[in-house]
Amino acid sequence: MISDQPDFEVAGETEKESEVTELVDKTRPDCLIIALDQPEVLHGLCGFLLGRYAQMKILAVAAERGNSAFYWASVDV
């Protein structure tokens, strides 16, 4: 559905949470959409990724719970 949008390009996909950091390091996306299968793990993962890529936006979705969270940080050093 997202790849059908004219202003979006899907840079990568994975079903394994263990591959998310490596894929983000490789593709450097502007936006990451991630499923919240384990919210307690993914909250830390999103914080880690934002620490590394402060300009990236993250949409974390928990479809079966009807929840979503948008993570975005802007860091001035």
Protein backbone atom coordinates (compact mmCIF):
# COMPACT_ATOMS: atom_id res chain seq x y z
CA MET A 1 0.00 0.00 0.00
CA ILE A 2 2.78 2.45 0.89
CA SER A 3 4.88 1.62 -2.15
CA ASP A 4 1.88 2.52 -4.34
CA GLN A 5 2.08 6.15 -3.15
CA PRO A 6 3.82 8.46 -5.66
CA ASP A 7 5.95 10.27 -3.06
CA PHE A 8 7.17 7.17 -1.21
CA GLU A 9 9.85 4.62 -1.92
CA VAL A 10 10.12 1.47 0.19
CA ALA A 11 13.84 1.13 0.96
CA GLY A 12 13.60 -2.21 2.76
CA GLU A 13 11.45 -4.65 4.68
CA THR A 14 12.03 -7.23 7.37
CA GLU A 15 9.86 -9.36 9.60
CA LYS A 16 12.66 -9.90 12.14
CA GLU A 17 13.11 -7.30 14.87
CA SER A 18 16.77 -8.34 15.13
CA GLU A 19 17.37 -7.03 11.59
CA VAL A 20 15.80 -3.58 12.01
CA THR A 21 18.93 -1.74 13.18
CA GLU A 22 21.10 -3.25 10.43
CA LEU A 23 18.50 -2.42 7.77
CA VAL A 24 18.17 1.18 9.00
CA ASP A 25 21.98 1.52 9.03
CA LYS A 26 22.08 0.26 5.43
CA THR A 27 19.14 2.20 3.95
CA ARG A 28 19.07 5.39 6.10
CA PRO A 29 15.34 6.03 5.62
CA ASP A 30 13.58 9.33 6.28
CA CYS A 31 10.73 7.42 7.92
CA LEU A 32 10.51 4.00 9.57
CA ILE A 33 7.22 2.16 10.00
CA ILE A 34 7.48 -0.62 12.56
CA ALA A 35 4.96 -3.04 14.07
CA LEU A 36 4.73 -3.04 17.86
CA ASP A 37 4.68 -6.78 18.52
CA GLN A 38 6.65 -6.24 21.75
CA PRO A 39 6.10 -2.61 22.86
CA GLU A 40 8.58 -2.85 25.75
CA VAL A 41 11.38 -3.86 23.35
CA LEU A 42 10.47 -1.53 20.51
CA HIS A 43 10.27 1.55 22.73
CA GLY A 44 13.96 1.07 23.53
CA LEU A 45 14.76 0.27 19.90
CA CYS A 46 13.02 3.45 18.70
CA GLY A 47 14.94 5.51 21.27
CA PHE A 48 18.22 3.92 20.17
CA LEU A 49 17.52 4.59 16.50
CA LEU A 50 16.52 8.20 17.16
CA GLY A 51 19.75 8.65 19.11
CA ARG A 52 21.66 7.49 16.05
CA TYR A 53 19.47 9.14 13.38
CA ALA A 54 17.83 12.15 15.01
CA GLN A 55 16.15 13.36 11.80
CA MET A 56 14.38 10.05 11.11
CA LYS A 57 10.68 9.81 11.93
CA ILE A 58 9.28 6.56 13.30
CA LEU A 59 5.67 5.40 13.16
CA ALA A 60 5.18 2.45 15.51
CA VAL A 61 1.88 0.62 15.02
CA ALA A 62 0.16 -2.02 17.18
CA ALA A 63 -2.74 -2.99 14.93
CA GLU A 64 -4.18 -5.71 17.15
CA ARG A 65 -4.28 -3.27 20.09
CA GLY A 66 -5.54 -0.33 18.04
CA ASN A 67 -2.54 1.76 19.16
CA SER A 68 0.15 3.75 17.41
CA ALA A 69 2.97 6.05 18.46
CA PHE A 70 4.91 8.61 16.48
CA TYR A 71 8.52 9.11 17.54
CA TRP A 72 10.42 12.14 16.39
CA ALA A 73 13.34 13.93 17.96
CA SER A 74 15.31 16.95 16.97
CA VAL A 75 18.64 17.20 18.72
CA ASP A 76 20.86 20.30 18.72
CA VAL A 77 24.43 19.73 19.81
